[in-house]
PDB file of N, CA and C in Angstrom:
ATOM      1  N   MET A   1      20.741   8.149 -18.790  1.00  0.00           N
ATOM      2  CA  MET A   1      20.170   6.856 -18.406  1.00  0.00           C
ATOM      3  C   MET A   1      18.764   7.197 -17.973  1.00  0.00           C
ATOM      4  N   LEU A   2      17.826   6.403 -18.325  1.00  0.00           N
ATOM      5  CA  LEU A   2      16.371   6.669 -17.966  1.00  0.00           C
ATOM      6  C   LEU A   2      16.077   6.129 -16.538  1.00  0.00           C
ATOM      7  N   ASN A   3      15.484   7.006 -15.740  1.00  0.00           N
ATOM      8  CA  ASN A   3      15.266   6.703 -14.328  1.00  0.00           C
ATOM      9  C   ASN A   3      13.855   6.042 -14.283  1.00  0.00           C
ATOM     10  N   MET A   4      13.904   4.723 -14.127  1.00  0.00           N
ATOM     11  CA  MET A   4      12.733   3.864 -14.226  1.00  0.00           C
ATOM     12  C   MET A   4      12.243   3.680 -12.719  1.00  0.00           C
ATOM     13  N   GLY A   5      10.999   3.400 -12.530  1.00  0.00           N
ATOM     14  CA  GLY A   5      10.580   3.134 -11.206  1.00  0.00           C
ATOM     15  C   GLY A   5       9.139   2.748 -11.278  1.00  0.00           C
ATOM     16  N   TYR A   6       8.684   2.385 -10.062  1.00  0.00           N
ATOM     17  CA  TYR A   6       7.315   1.825  -9.821  1.00  0.00           C
ATOM     18  C   TYR A   6       6.534   2.789  -9.024  1.00  0.00           C
ATOM     19  N   PHE A   7       5.407   3.201  -9.392  1.00  0.00           N
ATOM     20  CA  PHE A   7       4.636   4.100  -8.622  1.00  0.00           C
ATOM     21  C   PHE A   7       3.593   3.254  -7.806  1.00  0.00           C
ATOM     22  N   THR A   8       3.357   3.793  -6.582  1.00  0.00           N
ATOM     23  CA  THR A   8       2.401   3.082  -5.712  1.00  0.00           C
ATOM     24  C   THR A   8       1.547   4.388  -5.114  1.00  0.00           C
ATOM     25  N   SER A   9       0.278   4.170  -4.974  1.00  0.00           N
ATOM     26  CA  SER A   9      -0.597   5.141  -4.415  1.00  0.00           C
ATOM     27  C   SER A   9      -0.671   4.741  -2.877  1.00  0.00           C
ATOM     28  N   PHE A  10      -0.154   5.761  -2.096  1.00  0.00           N
ATOM     29  CA  PHE A  10      -0.101   5.556  -0.528  1.00  0.00           C
ATOM     30  C   PHE A  10      -1.222   6.346   0.034  1.00  0.00           C
ATOM     31  N   GLN A  11      -1.769   5.794   1.204  1.00  0.00           N
ATOM     32  CA  GLN A  11      -2.742   6.581   1.976  1.00  0.00           C
ATOM     33  C   GLN A  11      -2.775   6.104   3.374  1.00  0.00           C
ATOM     34  N   PHE A  12      -2.557   7.063   4.289  1.00  0.00           N
ATOM     35  CA  PHE A  12      -2.831   6.724   5.702  1.00  0.00           C
ATOM     36  C   PHE A  12      -4.167   6.683   6.056  1.00  0.00           C
ATOM     37  N   LEU A  13      -4.472   5.600   6.798  1.00  0.00           N
ATOM     38  CA  LEU A  13      -5.927   5.259   7.181  1.00  0.00           C
ATOM     39  C   LEU A  13      -6.303   5.727   8.663  1.00  0.00           C
ATOM     40  N   ASN A  14      -5.525   6.505   9.275  1.00  0.00           N
ATOM     41  CA  ASN A  14      -5.711   6.878  10.617  1.00  0.00           C
ATOM     42  C   ASN A  14      -6.802   8.030  10.703  1.00  0.00           C
ATOM     43  N   THR A  15      -7.344   8.227  12.058  1.00  0.00           N
ATOM     44  CA  THR A  15      -8.192   9.318  12.193  1.00  0.00           C
ATOM     45  C   THR A  15      -7.464  10.746  12.063  1.00  0.00           C
ATOM     46  N   GLU A  16      -8.318  11.793  11.831  1.00  0.00           N
ATOM     47  CA  GLU A  16      -7.643  13.114  11.646  1.00  0.00           C
ATOM     48  C   GLU A  16      -6.831  13.495  12.925  1.00  0.00           C
ATOM     49  N   ASP A  17      -7.240  13.207  14.138  1.00  0.00           N
ATOM     50  CA  ASP A  17      -6.414  13.506  15.229  1.00  0.00           C
ATOM     51  C   ASP A  17      -5.116  12.732  15.318  1.00  0.00           C
ATOM     52  N   GLU A  18      -5.187  11.462  14.914  1.00  0.00           N
ATOM     53  CA  GLU A  18      -4.019  10.620  14.863  1.00  0.00           C
ATOM     54  C   GLU A  18      -3.109  11.058  13.766  1.00  0.00           C
ATOM     55  N   LEU A  19      -3.617  11.516  12.698  1.00  0.00           N
ATOM     56  CA  LEU A  19      -2.780  12.013  11.565  1.00  0.00           C
ATOM     57  C   LEU A  19      -2.056  13.320  11.926  1.00  0.00           C
ATOM     58  N   LYS A  20      -2.654  14.091  12.713  1.00  0.00           N
ATOM     59  CA  LYS A  20      -2.028  15.399  13.108  1.00  0.00           C
ATOM     60  C   LYS A  20      -0.696  15.006  14.045  1.00  0.00           C
ATOM     61  N   LYS A  21      -1.012  14.168  14.977  1.00  0.00           N
ATOM     62  CA  LYS A  21       0.063  13.702  15.822  1.00  0.00           C
ATOM     63  C   LYS A  21       1.254  13.065  14.984  1.00  0.00           C
ATOM     64  N   ILE A  22       0.835  12.057  14.090  1.00  0.00           N
ATOM     65  CA  ILE A  22       1.731  11.436  13.185  1.00  0.00           C
ATOM     66  C   ILE A  22       2.638  12.460  12.418  1.00  0.00           C
ATOM     67  N   GLN A  23       1.946  13.382  11.789  1.00  0.00           N
ATOM     68  CA  GLN A  23       2.493  14.420  10.942  1.00  0.00           C
ATOM     69  C   GLN A  23       3.468  15.203  11.801  1.00  0.00           C
ATOM     70  N   ASN A  24       3.101  15.685  13.027  1.00  0.00           N
ATOM     71  CA  ASN A  24       4.021  16.474  13.849  1.00  0.00           C
ATOM     72  C   ASN A  24       5.330  15.714  14.224  1.00  0.00           C
ATOM     73  N   VAL A  25       5.294  14.407  14.552  1.00  0.00           N
ATOM     74  CA  VAL A  25       6.366  13.652  14.855  1.00  0.00           C
ATOM     75  C   VAL A  25       7.224  13.381  13.543  1.00  0.00           C
ATOM     76  N   ALA A  26       6.477  13.054  12.498  1.00  0.00           N
ATOM     77  CA  ALA A  26       7.251  12.873  11.190  1.00  0.00           C
ATOM     78  C   ALA A  26       8.070  14.094  10.799  1.00  0.00           C
ATOM     79  N   SER A  27       7.524  15.239  11.012  1.00  0.00           N
ATOM     80  CA  SER A  27       8.258  16.465  10.617  1.00  0.00           C
ATOM     81  C   SER A  27       9.540  16.612  11.435  1.00  0.00           C
ATOM     82  N   LYS A  28       9.499  16.127  12.681  1.00  0.00           N
ATOM     83  CA  LYS A  28      10.746  16.155  13.562  1.00  0.00           C
ATOM     84  C   LYS A  28      11.812  15.217  13.005  1.00  0.00           C
ATOM     85  N   ILE A  29      11.317  13.989  12.609  1.00  0.00           N
ATOM     86  CA  ILE A  29      12.155  12.930  12.279  1.00  0.00           C
ATOM     87  C   ILE A  29      12.843  13.110  10.893  1.00  0.00           C
ATOM     88  N   PHE A  30      11.916  13.366  10.004  1.00  0.00           N
ATOM     89  CA  PHE A  30      12.229  13.564   8.557  1.00  0.00           C
ATOM     90  C   PHE A  30      12.383  14.931   8.185  1.00  0.00           C
ATOM     91  N   LYS A  31      13.584  15.660   8.350  1.00  0.00           N
ATOM     92  CA  LYS A  31      13.754  16.986   8.226  1.00  0.00           C
ATOM     93  C   LYS A  31      13.471  17.507   6.793  1.00  0.00           C
ATOM     94  N   ASP A  32      13.732  16.787   5.749  1.00  0.00           N
ATOM     95  CA  ASP A  32      13.585  17.099   4.381  1.00  0.00           C
ATOM     96  C   ASP A  32      12.059  17.258   4.072  1.00  0.00           C
ATOM     97  N   LYS A  33      11.613  18.526   3.780  1.00  0.00           N
ATOM     98  CA  LYS A  33      10.199  18.755   3.516  1.00  0.00           C
ATOM     99  C   LYS A  33       9.661  18.041   2.323  1.00  0.00           C
ATOM    100  N   MET A  34      10.583  17.493   1.556  1.00  0.00           N
ATOM    101  CA  MET A  34      10.025  16.799   0.344  1.00  0.00           C
ATOM    102  C   MET A  34      10.130  15.269   0.640  1.00  0.00           C
ATOM    103  N   HIS A  35      10.309  14.766   1.864  1.00  0.00           N
ATOM    104  CA  HIS A  35      10.343  13.402   2.185  1.00  0.00           C
ATOM    105  C   HIS A  35       9.117  12.767   1.867  1.00  0.00           C
ATOM    106  N   ASP A  36       9.128  11.525   1.311  1.00  0.00           N
ATOM    107  CA  ASP A  36       7.879  10.841   0.790  1.00  0.00           C
ATOM    108  C   ASP A  36       6.766  10.801   1.863  1.00  0.00           C
ATOM    109  N   ILE A  37       7.153  10.506   3.087  1.00  0.00           N
ATOM    110  CA  ILE A  37       6.182  10.280   4.247  1.00  0.00           C
ATOM    111  C   ILE A  37       5.465  11.469   4.386  1.00  0.00           C
ATOM    112  N   LEU A  38       6.205  12.678   4.265  1.00  0.00           N
ATOM    113  CA  LEU A  38       5.544  14.009   4.622  1.00  0.00           C
ATOM    114  C   LEU A  38       4.609  14.358   3.376  1.00  0.00           C
ATOM    115  N   CYS A  39       5.030  13.952   2.277  1.00  0.00           N
ATOM    116  CA  CYS A  39       4.254  14.095   0.939  1.00  0.00           C
ATOM    117  C   CYS A  39       2.835  13.477   1.112  1.00  0.00           C
ATOM    118  N   VAL A  40       2.898  12.190   1.531  1.00  0.00           N
ATOM    119  CA  VAL A  40       1.725  11.431   1.805  1.00  0.00           C
ATOM    120  C   VAL A  40       0.795  11.996   2.861  1.00  0.00           C
ATOM    121  N   LEU A  41       1.433  12.366   3.987  1.00  0.00           N
ATOM    122  CA  LEU A  41       0.659  13.041   5.063  1.00  0.00           C
ATOM    123  C   LEU A  41       0.013  14.276   4.776  1.00  0.00           C
ATOM    124  N   ALA A  42       0.619  15.008   3.901  1.00  0.00           N
ATOM    125  CA  ALA A  42       0.082  16.346   3.470  1.00  0.00           C
ATOM    126  C   ALA A  42      -1.110  16.281   2.675  1.00  0.00           C
ATOM    127  N   LYS A  43      -1.439  15.154   2.114  1.00  0.00           N
ATOM    128  CA  LYS A  43      -2.687  15.000   1.230  1.00  0.00           C
ATOM    129  C   LYS A  43      -3.624  14.029   1.831  1.00  0.00           C
ATOM    130  N   LYS A  44      -4.836  14.518   2.061  1.00  0.00           N
ATOM    131  CA  LYS A  44      -5.860  13.663   2.685  1.00  0.00           C
ATOM    132  C   LYS A  44      -6.162  12.347   2.033  1.00  0.00           C
ATOM    133  N   ASN A  45      -6.151  12.407   0.691  1.00  0.00           N
ATOM    134  CA  ASN A  45      -6.409  11.227  -0.067  1.00  0.00           C
ATOM    135  C   ASN A  45      -5.203  10.510  -0.557  1.00  0.00           C
ATOM    136  N   GLY A  46      -4.098  10.796   0.131  1.00  0.00           N
ATOM    137  CA  GLY A  46      -2.902  10.042  -0.278  1.00  0.00           C
ATOM    138  C   GLY A  46      -2.046  10.699  -1.467  1.00  0.00           C
ATOM    139  N   ALA A  47      -1.135  10.031  -1.779  1.00  0.00           N
ATOM    140  CA  ALA A  47      -0.196  10.456  -2.955  1.00  0.00           C
ATOM    141  C   ALA A  47       0.424   9.339  -3.662  1.00  0.00           C
ATOM    142  N   GLU A  48       0.595   9.545  -4.928  1.00  0.00           N
ATOM    143  CA  GLU A  48       1.095   8.470  -5.721  1.00  0.00           C
ATOM    144  C   GLU A  48       2.603   8.817  -6.022  1.00  0.00           C
ATOM    145  N   LEU A  49       3.509   7.908  -5.555  1.00  0.00           N
ATOM    146  CA  LEU A  49       4.912   8.211  -5.629  1.00  0.00           C
ATOM    147  C   LEU A  49       5.772   7.004  -5.559  1.00  0.00           C
ATOM    148  N   LYS A  50       7.054   7.152  -5.713  1.00  0.00           N
ATOM    149  CA  LYS A  50       8.058   5.982  -5.625  1.00  0.00           C
ATOM    150  C   LYS A  50       8.643   6.120  -4.147  1.00  0.00           C
ATOM    151  N   TRP A  51       8.007   5.525  -3.309  1.00  0.00           N
ATOM    152  CA  TRP A  51       8.452   5.482  -1.819  1.00  0.00           C
ATOM    153  C   TRP A  51       9.035   4.144  -1.459  1.00  0.00           C
ATOM    154  N   TYR A  52      10.187   3.820  -1.836  1.00  0.00           N
ATOM    155  CA  TYR A  52      10.670   2.503  -1.724  1.00  0.00           C
ATOM    156  C   TYR A  52      10.970   2.005  -0.329  1.00  0.00           C
ATOM    157  N   ASP A  53      11.246   3.026   0.567  1.00  0.00           N
ATOM    158  CA  ASP A  53      11.596   2.688   1.943  1.00  0.00           C
ATOM    159  C   ASP A  53      10.496   2.951   2.903  1.00  0.00           C
ATOM    160  N   TRP A  54       9.353   2.890   2.502  1.00  0.00           N
ATOM    161  CA  TRP A  54       8.073   3.155   3.267  1.00  0.00           C
ATOM    162  C   TRP A  54       8.055   2.256   4.626  1.00  0.00           C
ATOM    163  N   ASP A  55       8.421   0.935   4.462  1.00  0.00           N
ATOM    164  CA  ASP A  55       8.439   0.112   5.624  1.00  0.00           C
ATOM    165  C   ASP A  55       9.501   0.505   6.788  1.00  0.00           C
ATOM    166  N   GLU A  56      10.735   0.833   6.269  1.00  0.00           N
ATOM    167  CA  GLU A  56      11.687   1.274   7.158  1.00  0.00           C
ATOM    168  C   GLU A  56      11.357   2.662   7.808  1.00  0.00           C
ATOM    169  N   ASP A  57      10.676   3.561   6.909  1.00  0.00           N
ATOM    170  CA  ASP A  57      10.267   4.858   7.492  1.00  0.00           C
ATOM    171  C   ASP A  57       9.155   4.596   8.592  1.00  0.00           C
ATOM    172  N   LEU A  58       8.256   3.717   8.340  1.00  0.00           N
ATOM    173  CA  LEU A  58       7.234   3.452   9.319  1.00  0.00           C
ATOM    174  C   LEU A  58       7.753   2.849  10.541  1.00  0.00           C
ATOM    175  N   GLU A  59       8.687   2.001  10.463  1.00  0.00           N
ATOM    176  CA  GLU A  59       9.430   1.509  11.717  1.00  0.00           C
ATOM    177  C   GLU A  59      10.082   2.566  12.463  1.00  0.00           C
ATOM    178  N   LYS A  60      10.679   3.423  11.738  1.00  0.00           N
ATOM    179  CA  LYS A  60      11.517   4.553  12.555  1.00  0.00           C
ATOM    180  C   LYS A  60      10.297   5.537  13.133  1.00  0.00           C
ATOM    181  N   LEU A  61       9.327   5.853  12.376  1.00  0.00           N
ATOM    182  CA  LEU A  61       8.319   6.696  12.860  1.00  0.00           C
ATOM    183  C   LEU A  61       7.543   6.158  14.188  1.00  0.00           C
ATOM    184  N   SER A  62       7.199   4.847  13.952  1.00  0.00           N
ATOM    185  CA  SER A  62       6.395   4.343  15.084  1.00  0.00           C
ATOM    186  C   SER A  62       7.180   3.951  16.261  1.00  0.00           C
ATOM    187  N   SER A  63       8.560   4.122  16.150  1.00  0.00           N
ATOM    188  CA  SER A  63       9.458   3.882  17.299  1.00  0.00           C
ATOM    189  C   SER A  63       9.572   5.039  18.180  1.00  0.00           C
ATOM    190  N   HIS A  64       9.213   6.262  17.665  1.00  0.00           N
ATOM    191  CA  HIS A  64       9.235   7.532  18.392  1.00  0.00           C
ATOM    192  C   HIS A  64       8.518   7.376  19.683  1.00  0.00           C
ATOM    193  N   PRO A  65       9.037   7.882  20.797  1.00  0.00           N
ATOM    194  CA  PRO A  65       8.291   7.984  22.117  1.00  0.00           C
ATOM    195  C   PRO A  65       6.939   8.637  22.098  1.00  0.00           C
ATOM    196  N   GLU A  66       6.825   9.731  21.246  1.00  0.00           N
ATOM    197  CA  GLU A  66       5.525  10.405  21.205  1.00  0.00           C
ATOM    198  C   GLU A  66       4.398   9.648  20.517  1.00  0.00           C
ATOM    199  N   LEU A  67       4.768   8.517  19.755  1.00  0.00           N
ATOM    200  CA  LEU A  67       3.863   7.660  19.139  1.00  0.00           C
ATOM    201  C   LEU A  67       3.776   6.307  19.805  1.00  0.00           C
ATOM    202  N   LYS A  68       4.275   6.197  21.002  1.00  0.00           N
ATOM    203  CA  LYS A  68       4.116   4.847  21.762  1.00  0.00           C
ATOM    204  C   LYS A  68       2.772   4.462  21.857  1.00  0.00           C
ATOM    205  N   ASP A  69       2.461   3.204  21.404  1.00  0.00           N
ATOM    206  CA  ASP A  69       1.129   2.574  21.419  1.00  0.00           C
ATOM    207  C   ASP A  69       0.228   3.223  20.451  1.00  0.00           C
ATOM    208  N   VAL A  70       0.684   3.921  19.456  1.00  0.00           N
ATOM    209  CA  VAL A  70      -0.215   4.582  18.409  1.00  0.00           C
ATOM    210  C   VAL A  70      -0.115   3.716  17.269  1.00  0.00           C
ATOM    211  N   GLU A  71      -1.215   3.068  16.747  1.00  0.00           N
ATOM    212  CA  GLU A  71      -1.222   2.240  15.581  1.00  0.00           C
ATOM    213  C   GLU A  71      -1.181   3.103  14.339  1.00  0.00           C
ATOM    214  N   ILE A  72      -0.343   2.900  13.453  1.00  0.00           N
ATOM    215  CA  ILE A  72      -0.255   3.761  12.148  1.00  0.00           C
ATOM    216  C   ILE A  72      -0.644   2.772  11.009  1.00  0.00           C
ATOM    217  N   PHE A  73      -1.676   3.182  10.339  1.00  0.00           N
ATOM    218  CA  PHE A  73      -2.249   2.316   9.159  1.00  0.00           C
ATOM    219  C   PHE A  73      -1.939   2.948   7.938  1.00  0.00           C
ATOM    220  N   LEU A  74      -1.301   2.190   6.861  1.00  0.00           N
ATOM    221  CA  LEU A  74      -0.957   2.688   5.566  1.00  0.00           C
ATOM    222  C   LEU A  74      -1.490   1.682   4.574  1.00  0.00           C
ATOM    223  N   ARG A  75      -2.068   2.230   3.556  1.00  0.00           N
ATOM    224  CA  ARG A  75      -2.554   1.492   2.383  1.00  0.00           C
ATOM    225  C   ARG A  75      -1.723   1.763   1.189  1.00  0.00           C
ATOM    226  N   GLY A  76      -1.332   0.734   0.430  1.00  0.00           N
ATOM    227  CA  GLY A  76      -0.643   0.819  -0.843  1.00  0.00           C
ATOM    228  C   GLY A  76      -1.345   0.115  -1.987  1.00  0.00           C
ATOM    229  N   ILE A  77      -1.456   0.909  -3.132  1.00  0.00           N
ATOM    230  CA  ILE A  77      -2.112   0.271  -4.359  1.00  0.00           C
ATOM    231  C   ILE A  77      -1.019   0.503  -5.474  1.00  0.00           C
ATOM    232  N   GLY A  78      -0.488  -0.537  -5.917  1.00  0.00           N
ATOM    233  CA  GLY A  78       0.624  -0.455  -6.921  1.00  0.00           C
ATOM    234  C   GLY A  78       0.108  -0.335  -8.335  1.00  0.00           C
ATOM    235  N   GLU A  79       1.083  -0.212  -9.274  1.00  0.00           N
ATOM    236  CA  GLU A  79       0.623  -0.211 -10.709  1.00  0.00           C
ATOM    237  C   GLU A  79       0.209  -1.564 -11.254  1.00  0.00           C
ATOM    238  N   GLU A  80       0.650  -2.557 -10.714  1.00  0.00           N
ATOM    239  CA  GLU A  80       0.342  -3.901 -11.256  1.00  0.00           C
ATOM    240  C   GLU A  80      -0.757  -4.532 -10.659  1.00  0.00           C
ATOM    241  N   THR A  81      -1.498  -5.326 -11.348  1.00  0.00           N
ATOM    242  CA  THR A  81      -2.707  -5.924 -10.942  1.00  0.00           C
ATOM    243  C   THR A  81      -2.499  -6.771  -9.655  1.00  0.00           C
ATOM    244  N   CYS A  82      -3.304  -6.671  -8.812  1.00  0.00           N
ATOM    245  CA  CYS A  82      -3.231  -7.287  -7.414  1.00  0.00           C
ATOM    246  C   CYS A  82      -2.150  -6.737  -6.467  1.00  0.00           C
ATOM    247  N   ASP A  83      -1.537  -5.747  -6.779  1.00  0.00           N
ATOM    248  CA  ASP A  83      -0.590  -5.179  -5.886  1.00  0.00           C
ATOM    249  C   ASP A  83      -1.308  -4.108  -4.906  1.00  0.00           C
ATOM    250  N   LEU A  84      -2.043  -4.815  -3.973  1.00  0.00           N
ATOM    251  CA  LEU A  84      -2.709  -3.995  -3.025  1.00  0.00           C
ATOM    252  C   LEU A  84      -2.357  -4.638  -1.590  1.00  0.00           C
ATOM    253  N   TRP A  85      -2.114  -3.766  -0.613  1.00  0.00           N
ATOM    254  CA  TRP A  85      -1.871  -4.161   0.660  1.00  0.00           C
ATOM    255  C   TRP A  85      -2.138  -3.086   1.677  1.00  0.00           C
ATOM    256  N   GLU A  86      -2.217  -3.465   2.916  1.00  0.00           N
ATOM    257  CA  GLU A  86      -2.382  -2.496   4.045  1.00  0.00           C
ATOM    258  C   GLU A  86      -1.241  -2.960   5.149  1.00  0.00           C
ATOM    259  N   ALA A  87      -0.659  -1.934   5.636  1.00  0.00           N
ATOM    260  CA  ALA A  87       0.377  -2.174   6.752  1.00  0.00           C
ATOM    261  C   ALA A  87      -0.048  -1.568   7.967  1.00  0.00           C
ATOM    262  N   LYS A  88       0.304  -2.151   9.069  1.00  0.00           N
ATOM    263  CA  LYS A  88       0.147  -1.522  10.452  1.00  0.00           C
ATOM    264  C   LYS A  88       1.500  -1.499  11.142  1.00  0.00           C
ATOM    265  N   ALA A  89       1.885  -0.266  11.686  1.00  0.00           N
ATOM    266  CA  ALA A  89       2.986  -0.025  12.391  1.00  0.00           C
ATOM    267  C   ALA A  89       2.807   0.346  13.783  1.00  0.00           C
ATOM    268  N   LEU A  90       3.559  -0.301  14.707  1.00  0.00           N
ATOM    269  CA  LEU A  90       3.310  -0.232  16.174  1.00  0.00           C
ATOM    270  C   LEU A  90       4.566  -0.357  16.914  1.00  0.00           C
ATOM    271  N   ASN A  91       5.091   0.584  17.620  1.00  0.00           N
ATOM    272  CA  ASN A  91       6.252   0.474  18.451  1.00  0.00           C
ATOM    273  C   ASN A  91       7.366  -0.126  17.717  1.00  0.00           C
ATOM    274  N   GLY A  92       7.671   0.301  16.570  1.00  0.00           N
ATOM    275  CA  GLY A  92       8.766  -0.112  15.664  1.00  0.00           C
ATOM    276  C   GLY A  92       8.728  -1.338  14.884  1.00  0.00           C
ATOM    277  N   MET A  93       7.438  -1.970  14.958  1.00  0.00           N
ATOM    278  CA  MET A  93       7.242  -3.068  14.129  1.00  0.00           C
ATOM    279  C   MET A  93       6.199  -2.969  13.096  1.00  0.00           C
ATOM    280  N   VAL A  94       6.409  -3.469  11.819  1.00  0.00           N
ATOM    281  CA  VAL A  94       5.490  -3.245  10.686  1.00  0.00           C
ATOM    282  C   VAL A  94       4.922  -4.608  10.286  1.00  0.00           C
ATOM    283  N   ILE A  95       3.595  -4.743  10.230  1.00  0.00           N
ATOM    284  CA  ILE A  95       3.078  -5.968   9.651  1.00  0.00           C
ATOM    285  C   ILE A  95       2.228  -5.602   8.501  1.00  0.00           C
ATOM    286  N   THR A  96       2.459  -6.449   7.291  1.00  0.00           N
ATOM    287  CA  THR A  96       1.788  -5.993   6.169  1.00  0.00           C
ATOM    288  C   THR A  96       0.903  -7.235   5.795  1.00  0.00           C
ATOM    289  N   LYS A  97      -0.392  -6.891   5.268  1.00  0.00           N
ATOM    290  CA  LYS A  97      -1.318  -7.878   4.948  1.00  0.00           C
ATOM    291  C   LYS A  97      -1.845  -7.614   3.479  1.00  0.00           C
ATOM    292  N   ARG A  98      -2.091  -8.597   2.800  1.00  0.00           N
ATOM    293  CA  ARG A  98      -2.660  -8.557   1.440  1.00  0.00           C
ATOM    294  C   ARG A  98      -4.049  -9.106   1.393  1.00  0.00           C
ATOM    295  N   PRO A  99      -4.962  -8.576   0.615  1.00  0.00           N
ATOM    296  CA  PRO A  99      -6.376  -9.112   0.545  1.00  0.00           C
ATOM    297  C   PRO A  99      -6.460 -10.464  -0.124  1.00  0.00           C
ATOM    298  N   LYS A 100      -7.384 -11.231   0.314  1.00  0.00           N
ATOM    299  CA  LYS A 100      -7.535 -12.486  -0.349  1.00  0.00           C
ATOM    300  C   LYS A 100      -8.781 -12.275  -1.207  1.00  0.00           C
ATOM    301  N   VAL A 101      -8.576 -12.522  -2.540  1.00  0.00           N
ATOM    302  CA  VAL A 101      -9.733 -12.355  -3.582  1.00  0.00           C
ATOM    303  C   VAL A 101     -10.475 -13.630  -3.628  1.00  0.00           C
ATOM    304  N   ILE A 102     -11.815 -13.332  -3.438  1.00  0.00           N
ATOM    305  CA  ILE A 102     -12.775 -14.473  -3.601  1.00  0.00           C
ATOM    306  C   ILE A 102     -13.835 -14.035  -4.576  1.00  0.00           C
ATOM    307  N   PHE A 103     -14.038 -14.970  -5.512  1.00  0.00           N
ATOM    308  CA  PHE A 103     -15.052 -14.615  -6.578  1.00  0.00           C
ATOM    309  C   PHE A 103     -16.484 -15.118  -5.987  1.00  0.00           C
ATOM    310  N   PRO A 104     -17.538 -14.350  -6.312  1.00  0.00           N
ATOM    311  CA  PRO A 104     -18.843 -14.760  -5.866  1.00  0.00           C
ATOM    312  C   PRO A 104     -19.161 -16.107  -6.622  1.00  0.00           C
ATOM    313  N   THR A 105     -20.097 -16.811  -5.875  1.00  0.00           N
ATOM    314  CA  THR A 105     -20.565 -18.017  -6.629  1.00  0.00           C
ATOM    315  C   THR A 105     -21.555 -17.692  -7.690  1.00  0.00           C
ATOM    316  N   TRP A 106     -21.758 -18.655  -8.619  1.00  0.00           N
ATOM    317  CA  TRP A 106     -22.750 -18.467  -9.745  1.00  0.00           C
ATOM    318  C   TRP A 106     -24.038 -19.147  -9.329  1.00  0.00           C
ATOM    319  N   GLU A 107     -24.578 -18.816  -8.111  1.00  0.00           N
ATOM    320  CA  GLU A 107     -25.804 -19.432  -7.786  1.00  0.00           C
ATOM    321  C   GLU A 107     -26.915 -19.204  -8.749  1.00  0.00           C
ATOM    322  N   GLY A 108     -27.751 -20.360  -9.053  1.00  0.00           N
ATOM    323  CA  GLY A 108     -28.742 -20.137  -9.975  1.00  0.00           C
ATOM    324  C   GLY A 108     -28.394 -20.162 -11.561  1.00  0.00           C
ATOM    325  N   ARG A 109     -27.078 -20.212 -11.740  1.00  0.00           N
ATOM    326  CA  ARG A 109     -26.603 -20.193 -13.086  1.00  0.00           C
ATOM    327  C   ARG A 109     -25.618 -21.363 -13.381  1.00  0.00           C
ATOM    328  N   LYS A 110     -25.963 -21.791 -14.435  1.00  0.00           N
ATOM    329  CA  LYS A 110     -24.964 -22.951 -15.002  1.00  0.00           C
ATOM    330  C   LYS A 110     -23.802 -22.326 -15.725  1.00  0.00           C
ATOM    331  N   MET A 111     -22.698 -22.892 -15.463  1.00  0.00           N
ATOM    332  CA  MET A 111     -21.510 -22.420 -16.130  1.00  0.00           C
ATOM    333  C   MET A 111     -21.744 -22.953 -17.574  1.00  0.00           C
ATOM    334  N   PRO A 112     -21.272 -22.049 -18.564  1.00  0.00           N
ATOM    335  CA  PRO A 112     -21.373 -22.535 -19.970  1.00  0.00           C
ATOM    336  C   PRO A 112     -20.544 -23.812 -20.332  1.00  0.00           C
ATOM    337  N   ASN A 113     -21.142 -24.578 -21.211  1.00  0.00           N
ATOM    338  CA  ASN A 113     -20.471 -25.827 -21.533  1.00  0.00           C
ATOM    339  C   ASN A 113     -19.885 -25.553 -22.945  1.00  0.00           C
ATOM    340  N   TRP A 114     -18.468 -25.248 -22.865  1.00  0.00           N
ATOM    341  CA  TRP A 114     -17.706 -24.903 -24.007  1.00  0.00           C
ATOM    342  C   TRP A 114     -17.261 -26.146 -24.602  1.00  0.00           C
ATOM    343  N   ASP A 115     -17.702 -26.340 -25.704  1.00  0.00           N
ATOM    344  CA  ASP A 115     -17.080 -27.473 -26.528  1.00  0.00           C
ATOM    345  C   ASP A 115     -16.037 -26.970 -27.529  1.00  0.00           C
ATOM    346  N   LEU A 116     -14.885 -27.018 -26.937  1.00  0.00           N
ATOM    347  CA  LEU A 116     -13.798 -26.467 -27.758  1.00  0.00           C
ATOM    348  C   LEU A 116     -13.189 -27.478 -28.659  1.00  0.00           C
ATOM    349  N   GLU A 117     -12.895 -27.138 -29.854  1.00  0.00           N
ATOM    350  CA  GLU A 117     -12.181 -27.981 -30.844  1.00  0.00           C
ATOM    351  C   GLU A 117     -10.758 -27.344 -30.938  1.00  0.00           C
ATOM    352  N   PHE A 118      -9.834 -28.272 -30.766  1.00  0.00           N
ATOM    353  CA  PHE A 118      -8.488 -27.894 -30.831  1.00  0.00           C
ATOM    354  C   PHE A 118      -7.913 -28.407 -32.204  1.00  0.00           C
ATOM    355  N   ILE A 119      -7.321 -27.383 -32.997  1.00  0.00           N
ATOM    356  CA  ILE A 119      -6.905 -27.741 -34.234  1.00  0.00           C
ATOM    357  C   ILE A 119      -5.315 -28.097 -34.120  1.00  0.00           C
ATOM    358  N   GLU A 120      -4.961 -29.223 -34.526  1.00  0.00           N
ATOM    359  CA  GLU A 120      -3.520 -29.650 -34.476  1.00  0.00           C
ATOM    360  C   GLU A 120      -2.739 -28.902 -35.552  1.00  0.00           C
ATOM    361  N   GLU A 121      -1.596 -28.412 -35.063  1.00  0.00           N
ATOM    362  CA  GLU A 121      -0.802 -27.836 -36.074  1.00  0.00           C
ATOM    363  C   GLU A 121      -0.071 -28.913 -36.854  1.00  0.00           C
ATOM    364  N   LYS A 122      -0.030 -28.626 -38.152  1.00  0.00           N
ATOM    365  CA  LYS A 122       0.551 -29.620 -39.050  1.00  0.00           C
ATOM    366  C   LYS A 122       2.067 -29.171 -39.274  1.00  0.00           C
ATOM    367  N   GLU A 123       2.890 -30.076 -39.185  1.00  0.00           N
ATOM    368  CA  GLU A 123       4.340 -29.840 -39.403  1.00  0.00           C
ATOM    369  C   GLU A 123       4.468 -29.876 -41.028  1.00  0.00           C
ATOM    370  N   GLU A 124       5.327 -28.846 -41.438  1.00  0.00           N
ATOM    371  CA  GLU A 124       5.601 -28.730 -42.754  1.00  0.00           C
ATOM    372  C   GLU A 124       6.969 -29.222 -43.080  1.00  0.00           C
TER     373      GLU A 124
END
């Protein structure tokens, strides 16, 4: 059976000092050295992987007493168009936001006047 999945590029957005503290606590909570959260924390520019439980892991991590009142920021960029989000975890709660895409106006330019002719399909 083929193992299908969806890759997302994850990156923590905290300061270096915060990341050291987060990594220290994460290594206590998530004992498996190959755990997804530890892989992302180990790379400064993030990592691309299939981390399906990222929100649950952030809840668990941010609930730890050593990270009380520490805001943890995570960005995700998925494989599909417009799959972009940022999450903030604080004291066991995770809030996710998605960007709002706004196209710039066409100031000083007229939109083209397309005269389209539609050809009716003939039934045979």
